[in-house]
């Protein structure tokens, strides 16, 4: 949340999906977050030490497809175990989800979509 503030953004809230971020948990998290009308973008920040980044990425893709079109930009930062595979998964999904590796790139992407 600090890096979003430092990049000019204003975090609306924070939600931790824990180490088992499968599609059902990601979808539930998205639905909770999107209940807040102040949310203008979603930043998924994963440091995959406990969970594999590709598992989370697949959860994001599956949740997005299950929910249909999501009305706010989604940026996913993936760092850790299988991060490159996770980025490829998201990039190849065809969904309106932007993937990055570095946290500063994620914060910059949030600032960019909100500009």
PDB file of N, CA and C in Angstrom:
ATOM      1  N   UNK A   1       0.826  -1.179   0.000  1.00  0.00           N
ATOM      2  CA  UNK A   1       0.000   0.000   0.000  1.00  0.00           C
ATOM      3  C   UNK A   1       0.878   1.253   0.000  1.00  0.00           C
ATOM      4  N   UNK A   2       2.020   1.151   0.655  1.00  0.00           N
ATOM      5  CA  UNK A   2       2.923   2.300   0.696  1.00  0.00           C
ATOM      6  C   UNK A   2       3.415   2.694  -0.691  1.00  0.00           C
ATOM      7  N   UNK A   3       3.771   1.706  -1.503  1.00  0.00           N
ATOM      8  CA  UNK A   3       4.315   2.042  -2.819  1.00  0.00           C
ATOM      9  C   UNK A   3       3.240   2.641  -3.723  1.00  0.00           C
ATOM     10  N   UNK A   4       1.997   2.259  -3.537  1.00  0.00           N
ATOM     11  CA  UNK A   4       0.909   2.889  -4.295  1.00  0.00           C
ATOM     12  C   UNK A   4       0.806   4.354  -3.900  1.00  0.00           C
ATOM     13  N   UNK A   5       0.870   4.637  -2.611  1.00  0.00           N
ATOM     14  CA  UNK A   5       0.824   6.030  -2.133  1.00  0.00           C
ATOM     15  C   UNK A   5       2.012   6.817  -2.677  1.00  0.00           C
ATOM     16  N   UNK A   6       3.202   6.219  -2.631  1.00  0.00           N
ATOM     17  CA  UNK A   6       4.396   6.898  -3.132  1.00  0.00           C
ATOM     18  C   UNK A   6       4.319   7.157  -4.634  1.00  0.00           C
ATOM     19  N   UNK A   7       3.528   6.359  -5.343  1.00  0.00           N
ATOM     20  CA  UNK A   7       3.370   6.529  -6.788  1.00  0.00           C
ATOM     21  C   UNK A   7       2.180   7.413  -7.130  1.00  0.00           C
ATOM     22  N   UNK A   8       1.567   8.025  -6.120  1.00  0.00           N
ATOM     23  CA  UNK A   8       0.494   8.974  -6.365  1.00  0.00           C
ATOM     24  C   UNK A   8      -0.905   8.419  -6.232  1.00  0.00           C
ATOM     25  N   UNK A   9      -1.030   7.153  -5.872  1.00  0.00           N
ATOM     26  CA  UNK A   9      -2.352   6.545  -5.728  1.00  0.00           C
ATOM     27  C   UNK A   9      -2.856   6.629  -4.306  1.00  0.00           C
ATOM     28  N   UNK A  10      -4.080   6.182  -4.123  1.00  0.00           N
ATOM     29  CA  UNK A  10      -4.715   6.167  -2.802  1.00  0.00           C
ATOM     30  C   UNK A  10      -5.405   4.815  -2.629  1.00  0.00           C
ATOM     31  N   UNK A  11      -4.774   3.881  -1.902  1.00  0.00           N
ATOM     32  CA  UNK A  11      -5.377   2.558  -1.734  1.00  0.00           C
ATOM     33  C   UNK A  11      -6.754   2.645  -1.085  1.00  0.00           C
ATOM     34  N   UNK A  12      -7.718   1.909  -1.636  1.00  0.00           N
ATOM     35  CA  UNK A  12      -9.068   1.886  -1.076  1.00  0.00           C
ATOM     36  C   UNK A  12      -9.160   0.873   0.051  1.00  0.00           C
ATOM     37  N   UNK A  13      -8.456  -0.251  -0.107  1.00  0.00           N
ATOM     38  CA  UNK A  13      -8.493  -1.279   0.914  1.00  0.00           C
ATOM     39  C   UNK A  13      -7.406  -2.305   0.665  1.00  0.00           C
ATOM     40  N   UNK A  14      -7.353  -3.300   1.516  1.00  0.00           N
ATOM     41  CA  UNK A  14      -6.344  -4.356   1.446  1.00  0.00           C
ATOM     42  C   UNK A  14      -7.046  -5.669   1.747  1.00  0.00           C
ATOM     43  N   UNK A  15      -6.691  -6.706   1.008  1.00  0.00           N
ATOM     44  CA  UNK A  15      -7.278  -8.020   1.245  1.00  0.00           C
ATOM     45  C   UNK A  15      -6.207  -9.079   1.027  1.00  0.00           C
ATOM     46  N   UNK A  16      -6.040  -9.957   1.975  1.00  0.00           N
ATOM     47  CA  UNK A  16      -5.057 -11.033   1.898  1.00  0.00           C
ATOM     48  C   UNK A  16      -5.803 -12.336   1.650  1.00  0.00           C
ATOM     49  N   UNK A  17      -5.502 -13.005   0.526  1.00  0.00           N
ATOM     50  CA  UNK A  17      -6.172 -14.276   0.231  1.00  0.00           C
ATOM     51  C   UNK A  17      -5.410 -15.463   0.797  1.00  0.00           C
ATOM     52  N   UNK A  18      -4.264 -15.212   1.408  1.00  0.00           N
ATOM     53  CA  UNK A  18      -3.515 -16.288   2.044  1.00  0.00           C
ATOM     54  C   UNK A  18      -2.754 -17.143   1.048  1.00  0.00           C
ATOM     55  N   UNK A  19      -2.214 -18.225   1.528  1.00  0.00           N
ATOM     56  CA  UNK A  19      -1.339 -19.069   0.729  1.00  0.00           C
ATOM     57  C   UNK A  19      -2.041 -20.047  -0.192  1.00  0.00           C
ATOM     58  N   UNK A  20      -3.363 -20.075  -0.172  1.00  0.00           N
ATOM     59  CA  UNK A  20      -4.094 -21.017  -1.033  1.00  0.00           C
ATOM     60  C   UNK A  20      -4.975 -20.245  -2.005  1.00  0.00           C
ATOM     61  N   UNK A  21      -4.346 -19.425  -2.820  1.00  0.00           N
ATOM     62  CA  UNK A  21      -5.093 -18.529  -3.708  1.00  0.00           C
ATOM     63  C   UNK A  21      -5.511 -19.244  -4.989  1.00  0.00           C
ATOM     64  N   UNK A  22      -6.470 -20.148  -4.878  1.00  0.00           N
ATOM     65  CA  UNK A  22      -7.019 -20.810  -6.057  1.00  0.00           C
ATOM     66  C   UNK A  22      -8.127 -19.940  -6.652  1.00  0.00           C
ATOM     67  N   UNK A  23      -8.748 -20.409  -7.721  1.00  0.00           N
ATOM     68  CA  UNK A  23      -9.756 -19.613  -8.429  1.00  0.00           C
ATOM     69  C   UNK A  23     -10.915 -19.211  -7.520  1.00  0.00           C
ATOM     70  N   UNK A  24     -11.383 -20.118  -6.692  1.00  0.00           N
ATOM     71  CA  UNK A  24     -12.519 -19.810  -5.825  1.00  0.00           C
ATOM     72  C   UNK A  24     -12.179 -18.697  -4.832  1.00  0.00           C
ATOM     73  N   UNK A  25     -10.986 -18.752  -4.250  1.00  0.00           N
ATOM     74  CA  UNK A  25     -10.575 -17.711  -3.297  1.00  0.00           C
ATOM     75  C   UNK A  25     -10.343 -16.380  -3.996  1.00  0.00           C
ATOM     76  N   UNK A  26      -9.736 -16.418  -5.184  1.00  0.00           N
ATOM     77  CA  UNK A  26      -9.498 -15.178  -5.935  1.00  0.00           C
ATOM     78  C   UNK A  26     -10.831 -14.556  -6.324  1.00  0.00           C
ATOM     79  N   UNK A  27     -11.759 -15.368  -6.811  1.00  0.00           N
ATOM     80  CA  UNK A  27     -13.066 -14.846  -7.194  1.00  0.00           C
ATOM     81  C   UNK A  27     -13.781 -14.237  -5.982  1.00  0.00           C
ATOM     82  N   UNK A  28     -13.747 -14.913  -4.867  1.00  0.00           N
ATOM     83  CA  UNK A  28     -14.378 -14.383  -3.656  1.00  0.00           C
ATOM     84  C   UNK A  28     -13.731 -13.050  -3.269  1.00  0.00           C
ATOM     85  N   UNK A  29     -12.410 -12.987  -3.362  1.00  0.00           N
ATOM     86  CA  UNK A  29     -11.696 -11.746  -3.046  1.00  0.00           C
ATOM     87  C   UNK A  29     -12.100 -10.627  -4.002  1.00  0.00           C
ATOM     88  N   UNK A  30     -12.149 -10.913  -5.305  1.00  0.00           N
ATOM     89  CA  UNK A  30     -12.562  -9.908  -6.284  1.00  0.00           C
ATOM     90  C   UNK A  30     -13.969  -9.401  -5.974  1.00  0.00           C
ATOM     91  N   UNK A  31     -14.874 -10.315  -5.652  1.00  0.00           N
ATOM     92  CA  UNK A  31     -16.256  -9.907  -5.365  1.00  0.00           C
ATOM     93  C   UNK A  31     -16.326  -9.014  -4.121  1.00  0.00           C
ATOM     94  N   UNK A  32     -15.550  -9.337  -3.110  1.00  0.00           N
ATOM     95  CA  UNK A  32     -15.507  -8.497  -1.905  1.00  0.00           C
ATOM     96  C   UNK A  32     -14.956  -7.121  -2.248  1.00  0.00           C
ATOM     97  N   UNK A  33     -13.849  -7.082  -2.945  1.00  0.00           N
ATOM     98  CA  UNK A  33     -13.208  -5.807  -3.294  1.00  0.00           C
ATOM     99  C   UNK A  33     -14.123  -4.952  -4.162  1.00  0.00           C
ATOM    100  N   UNK A  34     -14.786  -5.575  -5.120  1.00  0.00           N
ATOM    101  CA  UNK A  34     -15.607  -4.818  -6.069  1.00  0.00           C
ATOM    102  C   UNK A  34     -16.920  -4.314  -5.469  1.00  0.00           C
ATOM    103  N   UNK A  35     -17.247  -4.718  -4.252  1.00  0.00           N
ATOM    104  CA  UNK A  35     -18.418  -4.159  -3.571  1.00  0.00           C
ATOM    105  C   UNK A  35     -18.177  -2.708  -3.179  1.00  0.00           C
ATOM    106  N   UNK A  36     -16.916  -2.326  -3.078  1.00  0.00           N
ATOM    107  CA  UNK A  36     -16.544  -0.972  -2.679  1.00  0.00           C
ATOM    108  C   UNK A  36     -16.528  -0.076  -3.917  1.00  0.00           C
ATOM    109  N   UNK A  37     -17.430   0.904  -4.005  1.00  0.00           N
ATOM    110  CA  UNK A  37     -17.490   1.766  -5.187  1.00  0.00           C
ATOM    111  C   UNK A  37     -16.263   2.672  -5.335  1.00  0.00           C
ATOM    112  N   UNK A  38     -15.443   2.773  -4.296  1.00  0.00           N
ATOM    113  CA  UNK A  38     -14.236   3.589  -4.367  1.00  0.00           C
ATOM    114  C   UNK A  38     -13.086   2.877  -5.072  1.00  0.00           C
ATOM    115  N   UNK A  39     -13.225   1.579  -5.313  1.00  0.00           N
ATOM    116  CA  UNK A  39     -12.171   0.819  -5.979  1.00  0.00           C
ATOM    117  C   UNK A  39     -12.154   1.180  -7.458  1.00  0.00           C
ATOM    118  N   UNK A  40     -11.009   1.664  -7.910  1.00  0.00           N
ATOM    119  CA  UNK A  40     -10.848   2.080  -9.312  1.00  0.00           C
ATOM    120  C   UNK A  40      -9.937   1.136 -10.095  1.00  0.00           C
ATOM    121  N   UNK A  41      -9.196   0.298  -9.380  1.00  0.00           N
ATOM    122  CA  UNK A  41      -8.312  -0.704  -9.979  1.00  0.00           C
ATOM    123  C   UNK A  41      -8.017  -1.745  -8.910  1.00  0.00           C
ATOM    124  N   UNK A  42      -7.597  -2.926  -9.353  1.00  0.00           N
ATOM    125  CA  UNK A  42      -7.200  -3.981  -8.429  1.00  0.00           C
ATOM    126  C   UNK A  42      -5.743  -4.318  -8.700  1.00  0.00           C
ATOM    127  N   UNK A  43      -4.957  -4.285  -7.647  1.00  0.00           N
ATOM    128  CA  UNK A  43      -3.567  -4.717  -7.723  1.00  0.00           C
ATOM    129  C   UNK A  43      -3.448  -6.008  -6.932  1.00  0.00           C
ATOM    130  N   UNK A  44      -3.105  -7.078  -7.634  1.00  0.00           N
ATOM    131  CA  UNK A  44      -2.845  -8.362  -6.998  1.00  0.00           C
ATOM    132  C   UNK A  44      -1.331  -8.449  -6.859  1.00  0.00           C
ATOM    133  N   UNK A  45      -0.850  -8.486  -5.634  1.00  0.00           N
ATOM    134  CA  UNK A  45       0.579  -8.501  -5.363  1.00  0.00           C
ATOM    135  C   UNK A  45       0.944  -9.843  -4.751  1.00  0.00           C
ATOM    136  N   UNK A  46       1.642 -10.666  -5.521  1.00  0.00           N
ATOM    137  CA  UNK A  46       1.989 -12.007  -5.057  1.00  0.00           C
ATOM    138  C   UNK A  46       3.495 -12.151  -4.974  1.00  0.00           C
ATOM    139  N   UNK A  47       3.954 -12.489  -3.800  1.00  0.00           N
ATOM    140  CA  UNK A  47       5.332 -12.923  -3.623  1.00  0.00           C
ATOM    141  C   UNK A  47       5.247 -14.396  -3.303  1.00  0.00           C
ATOM    142  N   UNK A  48       5.559 -15.220  -4.298  1.00  0.00           N
ATOM    143  CA  UNK A  48       5.318 -16.661  -4.203  1.00  0.00           C
ATOM    144  C   UNK A  48       6.395 -17.423  -3.480  1.00  0.00           C
ATOM    145  N   UNK A  49       6.467 -17.260  -2.188  1.00  0.00           N
ATOM    146  CA  UNK A  49       7.362 -18.081  -1.395  1.00  0.00           C
ATOM    147  C   UNK A  49       6.635 -19.300  -0.879  1.00  0.00           C
ATOM    148  N   UNK A  50       5.380 -19.119  -0.495  1.00  0.00           N
ATOM    149  CA  UNK A  50       4.566 -20.216   0.023  1.00  0.00           C
ATOM    150  C   UNK A  50       3.776 -20.861  -1.113  1.00  0.00           C
ATOM    151  N   UNK A  51       3.189 -20.051  -1.941  1.00  0.00           N
ATOM    152  CA  UNK A  51       2.361 -20.548  -3.041  1.00  0.00           C
ATOM    153  C   UNK A  51       3.067 -20.271  -4.364  1.00  0.00           C
ATOM    154  N   UNK A  52       2.870 -21.146  -5.320  1.00  0.00           N
ATOM    155  CA  UNK A  52       3.464 -20.957  -6.645  1.00  0.00           C
ATOM    156  C   UNK A  52       2.711 -19.865  -7.390  1.00  0.00           C
ATOM    157  N   UNK A  53       3.463 -18.978  -8.020  1.00  0.00           N
ATOM    158  CA  UNK A  53       2.856 -17.868  -8.761  1.00  0.00           C
ATOM    159  C   UNK A  53       1.963 -18.356  -9.894  1.00  0.00           C
ATOM    160  N   UNK A  54       2.333 -19.449 -10.560  1.00  0.00           N
ATOM    161  CA  UNK A  54       1.510 -19.947 -11.657  1.00  0.00           C
ATOM    162  C   UNK A  54       0.152 -20.428 -11.150  1.00  0.00           C
ATOM    163  N   UNK A  55       0.102 -20.941  -9.941  1.00  0.00           N
ATOM    164  CA  UNK A  55      -1.183 -21.365  -9.354  1.00  0.00           C
ATOM    165  C   UNK A  55      -2.079 -20.146  -9.116  1.00  0.00           C
ATOM    166  N   UNK A  56      -1.495 -19.087  -8.593  1.00  0.00           N
ATOM    167  CA  UNK A  56      -2.262 -17.866  -8.364  1.00  0.00           C
ATOM    168  C   UNK A  56      -2.703 -17.270  -9.694  1.00  0.00           C
ATOM    169  N   UNK A  57      -1.802 -17.238 -10.669  1.00  0.00           N
ATOM    170  CA  UNK A  57      -2.137 -16.692 -11.987  1.00  0.00           C
ATOM    171  C   UNK A  57      -3.304 -17.459 -12.604  1.00  0.00           C
ATOM    172  N   UNK A  58      -3.283 -18.770 -12.503  1.00  0.00           N
ATOM    173  CA  UNK A  58      -4.393 -19.559 -13.031  1.00  0.00           C
ATOM    174  C   UNK A  58      -5.671 -19.239 -12.275  1.00  0.00           C
ATOM    175  N   UNK A  59      -5.551 -19.013 -10.963  1.00  0.00           N
ATOM    176  CA  UNK A  59      -6.707 -18.610 -10.166  1.00  0.00           C
ATOM    177  C   UNK A  59      -7.276 -17.281 -10.619  1.00  0.00           C
ATOM    178  N   UNK A  60      -6.406 -16.329 -10.935  1.00  0.00           N
ATOM    179  CA  UNK A  60      -6.850 -15.020 -11.434  1.00  0.00           C
ATOM    180  C   UNK A  60      -7.562 -15.189 -12.774  1.00  0.00           C
ATOM    181  N   UNK A  61      -6.959 -15.940 -13.676  1.00  0.00           N
ATOM    182  CA  UNK A  61      -7.556 -16.160 -15.001  1.00  0.00           C
ATOM    183  C   UNK A  61      -8.913 -16.849 -14.874  1.00  0.00           C
ATOM    184  N   UNK A  62      -8.977 -17.909 -14.091  1.00  0.00           N
ATOM    185  CA  UNK A  62     -10.232 -18.652 -13.932  1.00  0.00           C
ATOM    186  C   UNK A  62     -11.310 -17.800 -13.267  1.00  0.00           C
ATOM    187  N   UNK A  63     -10.932 -17.054 -12.236  1.00  0.00           N
ATOM    188  CA  UNK A  63     -11.890 -16.201 -11.540  1.00  0.00           C
ATOM    189  C   UNK A  63     -12.434 -15.133 -12.476  1.00  0.00           C
ATOM    190  N   UNK A  64     -11.559 -14.501 -13.244  1.00  0.00           N
ATOM    191  CA  UNK A  64     -11.975 -13.456 -14.190  1.00  0.00           C
ATOM    192  C   UNK A  64     -12.954 -14.034 -15.210  1.00  0.00           C
ATOM    193  N   UNK A  65     -12.619 -15.183 -15.772  1.00  0.00           N
ATOM    194  CA  UNK A  65     -13.492 -15.811 -16.763  1.00  0.00           C
ATOM    195  C   UNK A  65     -14.838 -16.188 -16.147  1.00  0.00           C
ATOM    196  N   UNK A  66     -14.828 -16.652 -14.924  1.00  0.00           N
ATOM    197  CA  UNK A  66     -16.055 -17.056 -14.252  1.00  0.00           C
ATOM    198  C   UNK A  66     -16.943 -15.856 -13.938  1.00  0.00           C
ATOM    199  N   UNK A  67     -16.320 -14.725 -13.620  1.00  0.00           N
ATOM    200  CA  UNK A  67     -17.083 -13.527 -13.258  1.00  0.00           C
ATOM    201  C   UNK A  67     -17.568 -12.755 -14.482  1.00  0.00           C
ATOM    202  N   UNK A  68     -16.968 -12.994 -15.626  1.00  0.00           N
ATOM    203  CA  UNK A  68     -17.284 -12.182 -16.800  1.00  0.00           C
ATOM    204  C   UNK A  68     -16.450 -10.926 -16.791  1.00  0.00           C
ATOM    205  N   UNK A  69     -16.896  -9.909 -17.459  1.00  0.00           N
ATOM    206  CA  UNK A  69     -16.117  -8.680 -17.549  1.00  0.00           C
ATOM    207  C   UNK A  69     -16.053  -7.982 -16.191  1.00  0.00           C
ATOM    208  N   UNK A  70     -14.846  -7.616 -15.789  1.00  0.00           N
ATOM    209  CA  UNK A  70     -14.645  -6.870 -14.549  1.00  0.00           C
ATOM    210  C   UNK A  70     -14.435  -5.415 -14.943  1.00  0.00           C
ATOM    211  N   UNK A  71     -15.152  -4.510 -14.295  1.00  0.00           N
ATOM    212  CA  UNK A  71     -15.227  -3.119 -14.733  1.00  0.00           C
ATOM    213  C   UNK A  71     -14.065  -2.235 -14.286  1.00  0.00           C
ATOM    214  N   UNK A  72     -13.070  -2.797 -13.609  1.00  0.00           N
ATOM    215  CA  UNK A  72     -11.900  -2.011 -13.227  1.00  0.00           C
ATOM    216  C   UNK A  72     -10.643  -2.705 -13.754  1.00  0.00           C
ATOM    217  N   UNK A  73      -9.595  -1.937 -14.017  1.00  0.00           N
ATOM    218  CA  UNK A  73      -8.345  -2.561 -14.464  1.00  0.00           C
ATOM    219  C   UNK A  73      -7.759  -3.465 -13.375  1.00  0.00           C
ATOM    220  N   UNK A  74      -7.133  -4.551 -13.808  1.00  0.00           N
ATOM    221  CA  UNK A  74      -6.466  -5.464 -12.891  1.00  0.00           C
ATOM    222  C   UNK A  74      -5.003  -5.546 -13.278  1.00  0.00           C
ATOM    223  N   UNK A  75      -4.148  -5.304 -12.298  1.00  0.00           N
ATOM    224  CA  UNK A  75      -2.713  -5.436 -12.477  1.00  0.00           C
ATOM    225  C   UNK A  75      -2.266  -6.531 -11.523  1.00  0.00           C
ATOM    226  N   UNK A  76      -1.480  -7.473 -12.038  1.00  0.00           N
ATOM    227  CA  UNK A  76      -1.008  -8.583 -11.221  1.00  0.00           C
ATOM    228  C   UNK A  76       0.509  -8.550 -11.199  1.00  0.00           C
ATOM    229  N   UNK A  77       1.062  -8.428  -9.988  1.00  0.00           N
ATOM    230  CA  UNK A  77       2.515  -8.469  -9.810  1.00  0.00           C
ATOM    231  C   UNK A  77       2.860  -9.844  -9.262  1.00  0.00           C
ATOM    232  N   UNK A  78       3.710 -10.560  -9.972  1.00  0.00           N
ATOM    233  CA  UNK A  78       4.075 -11.915  -9.595  1.00  0.00           C
ATOM    234  C   UNK A  78       5.583 -12.000  -9.421  1.00  0.00           C
ATOM    235  N   UNK A  79       6.019 -12.384  -8.244  1.00  0.00           N
ATOM    236  CA  UNK A  79       7.434 -12.517  -7.952  1.00  0.00           C
ATOM    237  C   UNK A  79       7.619 -13.761  -7.106  1.00  0.00           C
ATOM    238  N   UNK A  80       8.521 -14.628  -7.527  1.00  0.00           N
ATOM    239  CA  UNK A  80       8.787 -15.830  -6.745  1.00  0.00           C
ATOM    240  C   UNK A  80       8.708 -17.087  -7.585  1.00  0.00           C
ATOM    241  N   UNK A  81       8.329 -18.170  -6.957  1.00  0.00           N
ATOM    242  CA  UNK A  81       8.308 -19.484  -7.588  1.00  0.00           C
ATOM    243  C   UNK A  81       7.390 -19.492  -8.812  1.00  0.00           C
ATOM    244  N   UNK A  82       7.952 -19.843  -9.971  1.00  0.00           N
ATOM    245  CA  UNK A  82       7.227 -19.938 -11.239  1.00  0.00           C
ATOM    246  C   UNK A  82       6.636 -18.607 -11.700  1.00  0.00           C
ATOM    247  N   UNK A  83       7.288 -17.498 -11.360  1.00  0.00           N
ATOM    248  CA  UNK A  83       6.782 -16.174 -11.746  1.00  0.00           C
ATOM    249  C   UNK A  83       6.755 -15.988 -13.260  1.00  0.00           C
ATOM    250  N   UNK A  84       7.777 -16.453 -13.965  1.00  0.00           N
ATOM    251  CA  UNK A  84       7.775 -16.260 -15.418  1.00  0.00           C
ATOM    252  C   UNK A  84       6.669 -17.072 -16.081  1.00  0.00           C
ATOM    253  N   UNK A  85       6.422 -18.279 -15.594  1.00  0.00           N
ATOM    254  CA  UNK A  85       5.326 -19.095 -16.126  1.00  0.00           C
ATOM    255  C   UNK A  85       3.983 -18.425 -15.835  1.00  0.00           C
ATOM    256  N   UNK A  86       3.873 -17.838 -14.661  1.00  0.00           N
ATOM    257  CA  UNK A  86       2.645 -17.156 -14.278  1.00  0.00           C
ATOM    258  C   UNK A  86       2.386 -15.954 -15.179  1.00  0.00           C
ATOM    259  N   UNK A  87       3.424 -15.181 -15.452  1.00  0.00           N
ATOM    260  CA  UNK A  87       3.284 -14.017 -16.333  1.00  0.00           C
ATOM    261  C   UNK A  87       2.843 -14.459 -17.723  1.00  0.00           C
ATOM    262  N   UNK A  88       3.455 -15.513 -18.232  1.00  0.00           N
ATOM    263  CA  UNK A  88       3.070 -16.044 -19.548  1.00  0.00           C
ATOM    264  C   UNK A  88       1.608 -16.479 -19.556  1.00  0.00           C
ATOM    265  N   UNK A  89       1.175 -17.120 -18.485  1.00  0.00           N
ATOM    266  CA  UNK A  89      -0.213 -17.579 -18.370  1.00  0.00           C
ATOM    267  C   UNK A  89      -1.189 -16.406 -18.467  1.00  0.00           C
ATOM    268  N   UNK A  90      -0.910 -15.355 -17.720  1.00  0.00           N
ATOM    269  CA  UNK A  90      -1.788 -14.189 -17.736  1.00  0.00           C
ATOM    270  C   UNK A  90      -1.717 -13.481 -19.078  1.00  0.00           C
ATOM    271  N   UNK A  91      -0.510 -13.287 -19.589  1.00  0.00           N
ATOM    272  CA  UNK A  91      -0.350 -12.578 -20.863  1.00  0.00           C
ATOM    273  C   UNK A  91      -1.020 -13.311 -22.021  1.00  0.00           C
ATOM    274  N   UNK A  92      -1.036 -14.633 -21.969  1.00  0.00           N
ATOM    275  CA  UNK A  92      -1.635 -15.436 -23.042  1.00  0.00           C
ATOM    276  C   UNK A  92      -3.139 -15.627 -22.864  1.00  0.00           C
ATOM    277  N   UNK A  93      -3.690 -15.160 -21.747  1.00  0.00           N
ATOM    278  CA  UNK A  93      -5.105 -15.420 -21.443  1.00  0.00           C
ATOM    279  C   UNK A  93      -6.058 -14.628 -22.331  1.00  0.00           C
ATOM    280  N   UNK A  94      -5.596 -13.504 -22.881  1.00  0.00           N
ATOM    281  CA  UNK A  94      -6.472 -12.652 -23.681  1.00  0.00           C
ATOM    282  C   UNK A  94      -7.381 -11.775 -22.840  1.00  0.00           C
ATOM    283  N   UNK A  95      -7.212 -11.808 -21.531  1.00  0.00           N
ATOM    284  CA  UNK A  95      -8.046 -11.022 -20.638  1.00  0.00           C
ATOM    285  C   UNK A  95      -7.456  -9.635 -20.420  1.00  0.00           C
ATOM    286  N   UNK A  96      -8.286  -8.731 -19.922  1.00  0.00           N
ATOM    287  CA  UNK A  96      -7.841  -7.370 -19.609  1.00  0.00           C
ATOM    288  C   UNK A  96      -7.144  -7.370 -18.249  1.00  0.00           C
ATOM    289  N   UNK A  97      -6.058  -8.105 -18.180  1.00  0.00           N
ATOM    290  CA  UNK A  97      -5.266  -8.204 -16.964  1.00  0.00           C
ATOM    291  C   UNK A  97      -3.820  -7.942 -17.362  1.00  0.00           C
ATOM    292  N   UNK A  98      -3.204  -7.002 -16.678  1.00  0.00           N
ATOM    293  CA  UNK A  98      -1.815  -6.643 -16.975  1.00  0.00           C
ATOM    294  C   UNK A  98      -0.903  -7.298 -15.943  1.00  0.00           C
ATOM    295  N   UNK A  99       0.132  -7.988 -16.408  1.00  0.00           N
ATOM    296  CA  UNK A  99       1.046  -8.648 -15.478  1.00  0.00           C
ATOM    297  C   UNK A  99       2.415  -7.980 -15.509  1.00  0.00           C
ATOM    298  N   UNK A 100       3.007  -7.870 -14.337  1.00  0.00           N
ATOM    299  CA  UNK A 100       4.339  -7.301 -14.180  1.00  0.00           C
ATOM    300  C   UNK A 100       5.102  -8.144 -13.171  1.00  0.00           C
ATOM    301  N   UNK A 101       6.413  -7.948 -13.129  1.00  0.00           N
ATOM    302  CA  UNK A 101       7.243  -8.702 -12.198  1.00  0.00           C
ATOM    303  C   UNK A 101       7.661  -7.841 -11.006  1.00  0.00           C
ATOM    304  N   UNK A 102       8.046  -6.609 -11.253  1.00  0.00           N
ATOM    305  CA  UNK A 102       8.563  -5.736 -10.198  1.00  0.00           C
ATOM    306  C   UNK A 102       7.445  -4.949  -9.515  1.00  0.00           C
ATOM    307  N   UNK A 103       7.569  -4.747  -8.211  1.00  0.00           N
ATOM    308  CA  UNK A 103       6.554  -4.031  -7.451  1.00  0.00           C
ATOM    309  C   UNK A 103       6.411  -2.580  -7.919  1.00  0.00           C
ATOM    310  N   UNK A 104       7.523  -1.914  -8.222  1.00  0.00           N
ATOM    311  CA  UNK A 104       7.438  -0.529  -8.694  1.00  0.00           C
ATOM    312  C   UNK A 104       6.690  -0.470 -10.026  1.00  0.00           C
ATOM    313  N   UNK A 105       6.917  -1.453 -10.902  1.00  0.00           N
ATOM    314  CA  UNK A 105       6.188  -1.503 -12.175  1.00  0.00           C
ATOM    315  C   UNK A 105       4.692  -1.665 -11.930  1.00  0.00           C
ATOM    316  N   UNK A 106       4.333  -2.421 -10.916  1.00  0.00           N
ATOM    317  CA  UNK A 106       2.919  -2.602 -10.573  1.00  0.00           C
ATOM    318  C   UNK A 106       2.315  -1.288 -10.106  1.00  0.00           C
ATOM    319  N   UNK A 107       3.008  -0.595  -9.221  1.00  0.00           N
ATOM    320  CA  UNK A 107       2.513   0.696  -8.723  1.00  0.00           C
ATOM    321  C   UNK A 107       2.408   1.705  -9.860  1.00  0.00           C
ATOM    322  N   UNK A 108       3.397   1.718 -10.738  1.00  0.00           N
ATOM    323  CA  UNK A 108       3.357   2.625 -11.888  1.00  0.00           C
ATOM    324  C   UNK A 108       2.184   2.288 -12.808  1.00  0.00           C
ATOM    325  N   UNK A 109       1.903   0.992 -12.986  1.00  0.00           N
ATOM    326  CA  UNK A 109       0.794   0.569 -13.839  1.00  0.00           C
ATOM    327  C   UNK A 109      -0.531   1.008 -13.238  1.00  0.00           C
ATOM    328  N   UNK A 110      -0.669   0.933 -11.927  1.00  0.00           N
ATOM    329  CA  UNK A 110      -1.888   1.389 -11.267  1.00  0.00           C
ATOM    330  C   UNK A 110      -2.052   2.888 -11.497  1.00  0.00           C
ATOM    331  N   UNK A 111      -0.977   3.646 -11.268  1.00  0.00           N
ATOM    332  CA  UNK A 111      -1.031   5.103 -11.471  1.00  0.00           C
ATOM    333  C   UNK A 111      -1.396   5.432 -12.925  1.00  0.00           C
ATOM    334  N   UNK A 112      -0.856   4.648 -13.858  1.00  0.00           N
ATOM    335  CA  UNK A 112      -1.112   4.874 -15.279  1.00  0.00           C
ATOM    336  C   UNK A 112      -2.578   4.645 -15.641  1.00  0.00           C
ATOM    337  N   UNK A 113      -3.179   3.552 -15.140  1.00  0.00           N
ATOM    338  CA  UNK A 113      -4.575   3.275 -15.492  1.00  0.00           C
ATOM    339  C   UNK A 113      -5.532   4.240 -14.812  1.00  0.00           C
ATOM    340  N   UNK A 114      -5.093   4.870 -13.746  1.00  0.00           N
ATOM    341  CA  UNK A 114      -5.944   5.813 -13.036  1.00  0.00           C
ATOM    342  C   UNK A 114      -5.785   7.255 -13.511  1.00  0.00           C
ATOM    343  N   UNK A 115      -4.774   7.475 -14.341  1.00  0.00           N
ATOM    344  CA  UNK A 115      -4.497   8.842 -14.828  1.00  0.00           C
ATOM    345  C   UNK A 115      -5.542   9.304 -15.823  1.00  0.00           C
TER     346      UNK A 115
END
